[in-house]
Amino acid sequence: MTSAAELREMNDEQLEFALKEAQQDLFRLRFQASTEKLDAPSNLRKLRREIARIKTIAHERQLGAVSSEQPSA
């Protein structure tokens, strides 16, 4: 699991790759949970939170890019 500070240091491509990887891991864990072969159920919660962190940072960057493009009145 990565912290928000580590995620902020990544560039956009790395952040997108981390998001895809975390989503794939979450899919695998959900599949394991449905077949009752999940060792640590807490990993589901951790991955969901990591995905939320990644999406939040990506959204912050998007808002920062939009606000820097708009001229101030």
Protein backbone atom coordinates (compact mmCIF):
# COMPACT_ATOMS: atom_id res chain seq x y z
CA MET A 1 0.00 0.00 0.00
CA THR A 2 1.28 3.42 -0.89
CA SER A 3 0.83 6.61 1.06
CA ALA A 4 -0.63 9.80 -0.34
CA ALA A 5 2.80 11.46 -0.28
CA GLU A 6 4.28 8.68 -2.41
CA LEU A 7 1.37 8.92 -4.84
CA ARG A 8 1.78 12.68 -5.15
CA GLU A 9 5.41 12.17 -6.21
CA MET A 10 4.34 10.01 -9.18
CA ASN A 11 3.71 11.48 -12.59
CA ASP A 12 0.35 11.06 -14.34
CA GLU A 13 1.32 7.90 -16.23
CA GLN A 14 2.60 6.18 -13.10
CA LEU A 15 -0.53 7.19 -11.24
CA GLU A 16 -2.74 5.78 -13.98
CA PHE A 17 -0.75 2.52 -13.95
CA ALA A 18 -1.06 2.28 -10.15
CA LEU A 19 -4.82 2.79 -10.45
CA LYS A 20 -5.22 0.04 -13.05
CA GLU A 21 -3.09 -2.34 -11.02
CA ALA A 22 -5.04 -1.66 -7.82
CA GLN A 23 -8.35 -2.15 -9.64
CA GLN A 24 -7.15 -5.49 -11.02
CA ASP A 25 -6.04 -6.58 -7.55
CA LEU A 26 -9.41 -5.58 -6.13
CA PHE A 27 -11.17 -7.64 -8.81
CA ARG A 28 -9.06 -10.67 -7.92
CA LEU A 29 -9.77 -10.23 -4.22
CA ARG A 30 -13.50 -9.87 -4.82
CA PHE A 31 -13.42 -13.06 -6.86
CA GLN A 32 -11.60 -14.86 -4.07
CA ALA A 33 -14.09 -13.50 -1.54
CA SER A 34 -17.02 -14.83 -3.55
CA THR A 35 -15.45 -18.30 -3.69
CA GLU A 36 -14.64 -18.09 0.05
CA LYS A 37 -10.90 -18.46 -0.47
CA LEU A 38 -9.93 -15.02 0.78
CA ASP A 39 -7.17 -15.12 3.42
CA ALA A 40 -7.33 -11.53 4.67
CA PRO A 41 -10.68 -9.74 4.21
CA SER A 42 -9.08 -6.50 5.40
CA ASN A 43 -7.19 -6.30 2.10
CA LEU A 44 -10.45 -5.44 0.32
CA ARG A 45 -10.87 -2.34 2.45
CA LYS A 46 -7.21 -1.35 2.05
CA LEU A 47 -7.38 -1.61 -1.75
CA ARG A 48 -10.63 0.36 -1.95
CA ARG A 49 -9.01 3.12 0.08
CA GLU A 50 -5.89 3.10 -2.07
CA ILE A 51 -8.03 3.41 -5.21
CA ALA A 52 -9.86 6.33 -3.61
CA ARG A 53 -6.52 8.00 -2.76
CA ILE A 54 -5.27 7.62 -6.33
CA LYS A 55 -8.50 8.99 -7.79
CA THR A 56 -8.46 11.92 -5.36
CA ILE A 57 -4.93 12.90 -6.32
CA ALA A 58 -5.74 12.58 -10.02
CA HIS A 59 -8.81 14.78 -9.53
CA GLU A 60 -6.77 17.39 -7.61
CA ARG A 61 -4.31 17.54 -10.50
CA GLN A 62 -7.14 17.88 -12.97
CA LEU A 63 -8.66 20.76 -11.00
CA GLY A 64 -5.25 22.42 -10.71
CA ALA A 65 -4.75 22.21 -14.48
CA VAL A 66 -8.19 23.65 -15.14
CA SER A 67 -7.79 26.51 -12.68
CA SER A 68 -4.38 27.44 -14.08
CA GLU A 69 -5.81 27.57 -17.62
CA GLN A 70 -8.66 29.94 -16.71
CA PRO A 71 -7.72 33.63 -16.54
CA SER A 72 -8.59 35.33 -13.26
CA ALA A 73 -11.11 38.15 -13.39
